[in-house]
Amino acid sequence: MVVKTWKTRPAHYFLLEILKKKGAMTDVDLLAAFKGEFKDLGFKDFNELLMRLEIGGKIRTTSMSRGKRRIEPIT
């Protein structure tokens, strides 16, 4: 029987903490760091979190090359 527990921090706070510590990152690197803590969330959930944070004015995403994005916190 698998027992799931609640996380102490929401996923969007964790993403912001990573970005504030490390600065601007590519989406691939950020997803790898994110997967270390939230293994059960997939790429679709990750993109939804990024979209919510960008709409909320917390991060900025820019396209680097085909399929790669640069994500930076807005300070």
PDB file of N, CA and C in Angstrom:
ATOM      1  N   MET A   1       0.835  -1.175   0.000  1.00  0.00           N
ATOM      2  CA  MET A   1       0.000   0.000   0.000  1.00  0.00           C
ATOM      3  C   MET A   1       0.885   1.245   0.000  1.00  0.00           C
ATOM      4  N   VAL A   2       0.633   2.127  -0.951  1.00  0.00           N
ATOM      5  CA  VAL A   2       1.406   3.354  -1.068  1.00  0.00           C
ATOM      6  C   VAL A   2       0.704   4.458  -0.290  1.00  0.00           C
ATOM      7  N   VAL A   3       1.447   5.126   0.563  1.00  0.00           N
ATOM      8  CA  VAL A   3       0.898   6.219   1.355  1.00  0.00           C
ATOM      9  C   VAL A   3       1.477   7.520   0.813  1.00  0.00           C
ATOM     10  N   LYS A   4       0.587   8.405   0.376  1.00  0.00           N
ATOM     11  CA  LYS A   4       1.028   9.708  -0.115  1.00  0.00           C
ATOM     12  C   LYS A   4       0.840  10.737   0.988  1.00  0.00           C
ATOM     13  N   THR A   5       1.799  11.618   1.101  1.00  0.00           N
ATOM     14  CA  THR A   5       1.699  12.668   2.101  1.00  0.00           C
ATOM     15  C   THR A   5       1.650  14.017   1.411  1.00  0.00           C
ATOM     16  N   TRP A   6       1.124  14.990   2.102  1.00  0.00           N
ATOM     17  CA  TRP A   6       1.057  16.342   1.577  1.00  0.00           C
ATOM     18  C   TRP A   6       2.442  16.974   1.622  1.00  0.00           C
ATOM     19  N   LYS A   7       2.735  17.769   0.619  1.00  0.00           N
ATOM     20  CA  LYS A   7       3.993  18.523   0.616  1.00  0.00           C
ATOM     21  C   LYS A   7       3.848  19.729   1.535  1.00  0.00           C
ATOM     22  N   THR A   8       4.941  20.146   2.138  1.00  0.00           N
ATOM     23  CA  THR A   8       4.882  21.281   3.052  1.00  0.00           C
ATOM     24  C   THR A   8       4.827  22.611   2.315  1.00  0.00           C
ATOM     25  N   ARG A   9       5.297  22.628   1.058  1.00  0.00           N
ATOM     26  CA  ARG A   9       5.267  23.854   0.261  1.00  0.00           C
ATOM     27  C   ARG A   9       4.562  23.576  -1.052  1.00  0.00           C
ATOM     28  N   PRO A  10       3.794  24.533  -1.532  1.00  0.00           N
ATOM     29  CA  PRO A  10       3.189  24.365  -2.860  1.00  0.00           C
ATOM     30  C   PRO A  10       4.263  24.354  -3.950  1.00  0.00           C
ATOM     31  N   ALA A  11       3.926  23.776  -5.086  1.00  0.00           N
ATOM     32  CA  ALA A  11       4.890  23.619  -6.174  1.00  0.00           C
ATOM     33  C   ALA A  11       5.360  24.965  -6.720  1.00  0.00           C
ATOM     34  N   HIS A  12       4.464  25.948  -6.809  1.00  0.00           N
ATOM     35  CA  HIS A  12       4.885  27.229  -7.368  1.00  0.00           C
ATOM     36  C   HIS A  12       5.860  27.961  -6.446  1.00  0.00           C
ATOM     37  N   TYR A  13       5.736  27.802  -5.138  1.00  0.00           N
ATOM     38  CA  TYR A  13       6.716  28.377  -4.218  1.00  0.00           C
ATOM     39  C   TYR A  13       8.075  27.709  -4.395  1.00  0.00           C
ATOM     40  N   PHE A  14       8.061  26.403  -4.587  1.00  0.00           N
ATOM     41  CA  PHE A  14       9.315  25.678  -4.778  1.00  0.00           C
ATOM     42  C   PHE A  14      10.024  26.133  -6.053  1.00  0.00           C
ATOM     43  N   LEU A  15       9.262  26.323  -7.146  1.00  0.00           N
ATOM     44  CA  LEU A  15       9.853  26.825  -8.390  1.00  0.00           C
ATOM     45  C   LEU A  15      10.469  28.203  -8.192  1.00  0.00           C
ATOM     46  N   LEU A  16       9.769  29.073  -7.484  1.00  0.00           N
ATOM     47  CA  LEU A  16      10.298  30.415  -7.238  1.00  0.00           C
ATOM     48  C   LEU A  16      11.549  30.374  -6.365  1.00  0.00           C
ATOM     49  N   GLU A  17      11.593  29.471  -5.393  1.00  0.00           N
ATOM     50  CA  GLU A  17      12.783  29.334  -4.542  1.00  0.00           C
ATOM     51  C   GLU A  17      13.993  28.904  -5.368  1.00  0.00           C
ATOM     52  N   ILE A  18      13.797  27.954  -6.261  1.00  0.00           N
ATOM     53  CA  ILE A  18      14.891  27.494  -7.117  1.00  0.00           C
ATOM     54  C   ILE A  18      15.407  28.640  -7.976  1.00  0.00           C
ATOM     55  N   LEU A  19      14.492  29.382  -8.581  1.00  0.00           N
ATOM     56  CA  LEU A  19      14.894  30.480  -9.459  1.00  0.00           C
ATOM     57  C   LEU A  19      15.576  31.607  -8.688  1.00  0.00           C
ATOM     58  N   LYS A  20      15.133  31.884  -7.475  1.00  0.00           N
ATOM     59  CA  LYS A  20      15.772  32.942  -6.694  1.00  0.00           C
ATOM     60  C   LYS A  20      17.172  32.533  -6.253  1.00  0.00           C
ATOM     61  N   LYS A  21      17.378  31.231  -5.970  1.00  0.00           N
ATOM     62  CA  LYS A  21      18.700  30.750  -5.573  1.00  0.00           C
ATOM     63  C   LYS A  21      19.669  30.728  -6.744  1.00  0.00           C
ATOM     64  N   LYS A  22      19.232  30.177  -7.886  1.00  0.00           N
ATOM     65  CA  LYS A  22      20.137  29.934  -9.000  1.00  0.00           C
ATOM     66  C   LYS A  22      20.069  30.973 -10.099  1.00  0.00           C
ATOM     67  N   GLY A  23      19.071  31.836 -10.086  1.00  0.00           N
ATOM     68  CA  GLY A  23      18.927  32.831 -11.141  1.00  0.00           C
ATOM     69  C   GLY A  23      18.257  32.228 -12.362  1.00  0.00           C
ATOM     70  N   ALA A  24      18.501  32.822 -13.520  1.00  0.00           N
ATOM     71  CA  ALA A  24      17.869  32.362 -14.757  1.00  0.00           C
ATOM     72  C   ALA A  24      18.359  30.968 -15.130  1.00  0.00           C
ATOM     73  N   MET A  25      17.424  30.141 -15.610  1.00  0.00           N
ATOM     74  CA  MET A  25      17.731  28.756 -15.976  1.00  0.00           C
ATOM     75  C   MET A  25      16.963  28.393 -17.233  1.00  0.00           C
ATOM     76  N   THR A  26      17.397  27.324 -17.881  1.00  0.00           N
ATOM     77  CA  THR A  26      16.614  26.794 -18.988  1.00  0.00           C
ATOM     78  C   THR A  26      15.480  25.951 -18.410  1.00  0.00           C
ATOM     79  N   ASP A  27      14.446  25.741 -19.215  1.00  0.00           N
ATOM     80  CA  ASP A  27      13.309  24.971 -18.729  1.00  0.00           C
ATOM     81  C   ASP A  27      13.687  23.519 -18.445  1.00  0.00           C
ATOM     82  N   VAL A  28      14.652  22.975 -19.175  1.00  0.00           N
ATOM     83  CA  VAL A  28      15.094  21.592 -18.955  1.00  0.00           C
ATOM     84  C   VAL A  28      15.777  21.457 -17.594  1.00  0.00           C
ATOM     85  N   ASP A  29      16.662  22.405 -17.270  1.00  0.00           N
ATOM     86  CA  ASP A  29      17.354  22.369 -15.980  1.00  0.00           C
ATOM     87  C   ASP A  29      16.385  22.589 -14.821  1.00  0.00           C
ATOM     88  N   LEU A  30      15.449  23.514 -15.015  1.00  0.00           N
ATOM     89  CA  LEU A  30      14.465  23.791 -13.970  1.00  0.00           C
ATOM     90  C   LEU A  30      13.555  22.587 -13.749  1.00  0.00           C
ATOM     91  N   LEU A  31      13.165  21.919 -14.831  1.00  0.00           N
ATOM     92  CA  LEU A  31      12.326  20.723 -14.703  1.00  0.00           C
ATOM     93  C   LEU A  31      13.066  19.616 -13.958  1.00  0.00           C
ATOM     94  N   ALA A  32      14.358  19.466 -14.217  1.00  0.00           N
ATOM     95  CA  ALA A  32      15.145  18.443 -13.523  1.00  0.00           C
ATOM     96  C   ALA A  32      15.208  18.739 -12.022  1.00  0.00           C
ATOM     97  N   ALA A  33      15.407  19.997 -11.649  1.00  0.00           N
ATOM     98  CA  ALA A  33      15.431  20.368 -10.237  1.00  0.00           C
ATOM     99  C   ALA A  33      14.051  20.202  -9.605  1.00  0.00           C
ATOM    100  N   PHE A  34      13.024  20.509 -10.377  1.00  0.00           N
ATOM    101  CA  PHE A  34      11.646  20.387  -9.908  1.00  0.00           C
ATOM    102  C   PHE A  34      11.271  18.926  -9.680  1.00  0.00           C
ATOM    103  N   LYS A  35      11.720  18.052 -10.569  1.00  0.00           N
ATOM    104  CA  LYS A  35      11.413  16.622 -10.453  1.00  0.00           C
ATOM    105  C   LYS A  35      12.091  15.993  -9.234  1.00  0.00           C
ATOM    106  N   GLY A  36      13.157  16.609  -8.745  1.00  0.00           N
ATOM    107  CA  GLY A  36      13.802  16.088  -7.548  1.00  0.00           C
ATOM    108  C   GLY A  36      12.889  16.128  -6.336  1.00  0.00           C
ATOM    109  N   GLU A  37      12.021  17.112  -6.266  1.00  0.00           N
ATOM    110  CA  GLU A  37      11.110  17.263  -5.136  1.00  0.00           C
ATOM    111  C   GLU A  37       9.702  16.753  -5.453  1.00  0.00           C
ATOM    112  N   PHE A  38       9.223  17.012  -6.652  1.00  0.00           N
ATOM    113  CA  PHE A  38       7.860  16.649  -7.046  1.00  0.00           C
ATOM    114  C   PHE A  38       7.918  15.616  -8.167  1.00  0.00           C
ATOM    115  N   LYS A  39       8.082  14.354  -7.796  1.00  0.00           N
ATOM    116  CA  LYS A  39       8.209  13.287  -8.792  1.00  0.00           C
ATOM    117  C   LYS A  39       6.897  12.954  -9.479  1.00  0.00           C
ATOM    118  N   ASP A  40       5.780  13.228  -8.822  1.00  0.00           N
ATOM    119  CA  ASP A  40       4.484  12.839  -9.361  1.00  0.00           C
ATOM    120  C   ASP A  40       3.898  13.841 -10.360  1.00  0.00           C
ATOM    121  N   LEU A  41       4.484  15.018 -10.513  1.00  0.00           N
ATOM    122  CA  LEU A  41       3.986  16.007 -11.466  1.00  0.00           C
ATOM    123  C   LEU A  41       4.744  15.880 -12.776  1.00  0.00           C
ATOM    124  N   GLY A  42       4.027  15.975 -13.885  1.00  0.00           N
ATOM    125  CA  GLY A  42       4.633  15.804 -15.200  1.00  0.00           C
ATOM    126  C   GLY A  42       4.930  17.118 -15.896  1.00  0.00           C
ATOM    127  N   PHE A  43       5.282  17.002 -17.180  1.00  0.00           N
ATOM    128  CA  PHE A  43       5.665  18.169 -17.969  1.00  0.00           C
ATOM    129  C   PHE A  43       4.482  19.110 -18.181  1.00  0.00           C
ATOM    130  N   LYS A  44       3.295  18.561 -18.338  1.00  0.00           N
ATOM    131  CA  LYS A  44       2.103  19.392 -18.517  1.00  0.00           C
ATOM    132  C   LYS A  44       1.845  20.227 -17.267  1.00  0.00           C
ATOM    133  N   ASP A  45       1.960  19.627 -16.097  1.00  0.00           N
ATOM    134  CA  ASP A  45       1.777  20.349 -14.838  1.00  0.00           C
ATOM    135  C   ASP A  45       2.856  21.413 -14.661  1.00  0.00           C
ATOM    136  N   PHE A  46       4.077  21.079 -15.052  1.00  0.00           N
ATOM    137  CA  PHE A  46       5.190  22.021 -14.979  1.00  0.00           C
ATOM    138  C   PHE A  46       4.923  23.244 -15.852  1.00  0.00           C
ATOM    139  N   ASN A  47       4.454  23.019 -17.081  1.00  0.00           N
ATOM    140  CA  ASN A  47       4.143  24.134 -17.979  1.00  0.00           C
ATOM    141  C   ASN A  47       2.991  24.974 -17.448  1.00  0.00           C
ATOM    142  N   GLU A  48       2.018  24.340 -16.832  1.00  0.00           N
ATOM    143  CA  GLU A  48       0.900  25.083 -16.251  1.00  0.00           C
ATOM    144  C   GLU A  48       1.374  25.977 -15.100  1.00  0.00           C
ATOM    145  N   LEU A  49       2.278  25.454 -14.272  1.00  0.00           N
ATOM    146  CA  LEU A  49       2.838  26.263 -13.189  1.00  0.00           C
ATOM    147  C   LEU A  49       3.607  27.458 -13.735  1.00  0.00           C
ATOM    148  N   LEU A  50       4.399  27.224 -14.786  1.00  0.00           N
ATOM    149  CA  LEU A  50       5.149  28.318 -15.392  1.00  0.00           C
ATOM    150  C   LEU A  50       4.217  29.374 -15.957  1.00  0.00           C
ATOM    151  N   MET A  51       3.133  28.947 -16.610  1.00  0.00           N
ATOM    152  CA  MET A  51       2.187  29.887 -17.188  1.00  0.00           C
ATOM    153  C   MET A  51       1.520  30.719 -16.091  1.00  0.00           C
ATOM    154  N   ARG A  52       1.121  30.082 -15.005  1.00  0.00           N
ATOM    155  CA  ARG A  52       0.491  30.820 -13.905  1.00  0.00           C
ATOM    156  C   ARG A  52       1.452  31.832 -13.286  1.00  0.00           C
ATOM    157  N   LEU A  53       2.710  31.439 -13.122  1.00  0.00           N
ATOM    158  CA  LEU A  53       3.698  32.353 -12.552  1.00  0.00           C
ATOM    159  C   LEU A  53       3.995  33.511 -13.500  1.00  0.00           C
ATOM    160  N   GLU A  54       3.998  33.240 -14.800  1.00  0.00           N
ATOM    161  CA  GLU A  54       4.254  34.310 -15.764  1.00  0.00           C
ATOM    162  C   GLU A  54       3.075  35.279 -15.826  1.00  0.00           C
ATOM    163  N   ILE A  55       1.875  34.772 -15.809  1.00  0.00           N
ATOM    164  CA  ILE A  55       0.687  35.636 -15.810  1.00  0.00           C
ATOM    165  C   ILE A  55       0.635  36.460 -14.532  1.00  0.00           C
ATOM    166  N   GLY A  56       1.041  35.865 -13.426  1.00  0.00           N
ATOM    167  CA  GLY A  56       1.069  36.563 -12.148  1.00  0.00           C
ATOM    168  C   GLY A  56       2.199  37.567 -12.009  1.00  0.00           C
ATOM    169  N   GLY A  57       3.103  37.619 -12.988  1.00  0.00           N
ATOM    170  CA  GLY A  57       4.194  38.584 -12.948  1.00  0.00           C
ATOM    171  C   GLY A  57       5.359  38.178 -12.082  1.00  0.00           C
ATOM    172  N   LYS A  58       5.505  36.908 -11.804  1.00  0.00           N
ATOM    173  CA  LYS A  58       6.600  36.438 -10.948  1.00  0.00           C
ATOM    174  C   LYS A  58       7.830  36.008 -11.744  1.00  0.00           C
ATOM    175  N   ILE A  59       7.621  35.503 -12.974  1.00  0.00           N
ATOM    176  CA  ILE A  59       8.737  35.056 -13.806  1.00  0.00           C
ATOM    177  C   ILE A  59       8.572  35.611 -15.217  1.00  0.00           C
ATOM    178  N   ARG A  60       9.649  35.507 -15.984  1.00  0.00           N
ATOM    179  CA  ARG A  60       9.635  35.882 -17.396  1.00  0.00           C
ATOM    180  C   ARG A  60      10.243  34.735 -18.183  1.00  0.00           C
ATOM    181  N   THR A  61       9.571  34.334 -19.256  1.00  0.00           N
ATOM    182  CA  THR A  61      10.105  33.282 -20.113  1.00  0.00           C
ATOM    183  C   THR A  61      10.416  33.862 -21.478  1.00  0.00           C
ATOM    184  N   THR A  62      11.549  33.459 -22.026  1.00  0.00           N
ATOM    185  CA  THR A  62      11.935  33.860 -23.370  1.00  0.00           C
ATOM    186  C   THR A  62      12.366  32.623 -24.138  1.00  0.00           C
ATOM    187  N   SER A  63      12.091  32.634 -25.411  1.00  0.00           N
ATOM    188  CA  SER A  63      12.443  31.505 -26.262  1.00  0.00           C
ATOM    189  C   SER A  63      13.904  31.623 -26.672  1.00  0.00           C
ATOM    190  N   MET A  64      14.663  30.543 -26.487  1.00  0.00           N
ATOM    191  CA  MET A  64      16.077  30.544 -26.842  1.00  0.00           C
ATOM    192  C   MET A  64      16.279  29.926 -28.214  1.00  0.00           C
ATOM    193  N   SER A  65      15.885  28.709 -28.364  1.00  0.00           N
ATOM    194  CA  SER A  65      15.978  28.000 -29.632  1.00  0.00           C
ATOM    195  C   SER A  65      14.777  27.074 -29.712  1.00  0.00           C
ATOM    196  N   ARG A  66      14.694  26.323 -30.739  1.00  0.00           N
ATOM    197  CA  ARG A  66      13.529  25.463 -30.929  1.00  0.00           C
ATOM    198  C   ARG A  66      13.365  24.489 -29.753  1.00  0.00           C
ATOM    199  N   GLY A  67      12.276  24.663 -29.022  1.00  0.00           N
ATOM    200  CA  GLY A  67      11.989  23.768 -27.916  1.00  0.00           C
ATOM    201  C   GLY A  67      12.688  24.082 -26.613  1.00  0.00           C
ATOM    202  N   LYS A  68      13.394  25.208 -26.528  1.00  0.00           N
ATOM    203  CA  LYS A  68      14.105  25.576 -25.304  1.00  0.00           C
ATOM    204  C   LYS A  68      13.685  26.974 -24.875  1.00  0.00           C
ATOM    205  N   ARG A  69      13.493  27.127 -23.579  1.00  0.00           N
ATOM    206  CA  ARG A  69      13.108  28.423 -23.030  1.00  0.00           C
ATOM    207  C   ARG A  69      14.034  28.811 -21.892  1.00  0.00           C
ATOM    208  N   ARG A  70      14.198  30.118 -21.724  1.00  0.00           N
ATOM    209  CA  ARG A  70      14.969  30.659 -20.602  1.00  0.00           C
ATOM    210  C   ARG A  70      13.960  31.229 -19.622  1.00  0.00           C
ATOM    211  N   ILE A  71      14.065  30.820 -18.373  1.00  0.00           N
ATOM    212  CA  ILE A  71      13.128  31.248 -17.350  1.00  0.00           C
ATOM    213  C   ILE A  71      13.904  32.024 -16.296  1.00  0.00           C
ATOM    214  N   GLU A  72      13.440  33.238 -16.009  1.00  0.00           N
ATOM    215  CA  GLU A  72      14.134  34.084 -15.036  1.00  0.00           C
ATOM    216  C   GLU A  72      13.125  34.709 -14.080  1.00  0.00           C
ATOM    217  N   PRO A  73      13.517  34.875 -12.833  1.00  0.00           N
ATOM    218  CA  PRO A  73      12.609  35.519 -11.874  1.00  0.00           C
ATOM    219  C   PRO A  73      12.580  37.019 -12.105  1.00  0.00           C
ATOM    220  N   ILE A  74      11.437  37.614 -11.843  1.00  0.00           N
ATOM    221  CA  ILE A  74      11.318  39.075 -11.912  1.00  0.00           C
ATOM    222  C   ILE A  74      11.478  39.586 -10.498  1.00  0.00           C
ATOM    223  N   THR A  75      12.460  40.448 -10.298  1.00  0.00           N
ATOM    224  CA  THR A  75      12.735  40.952  -8.945  1.00  0.00           C
ATOM    225  C   THR A  75      12.234  42.354  -8.765  1.00  0.00           C
TER     226      THR A  75
END
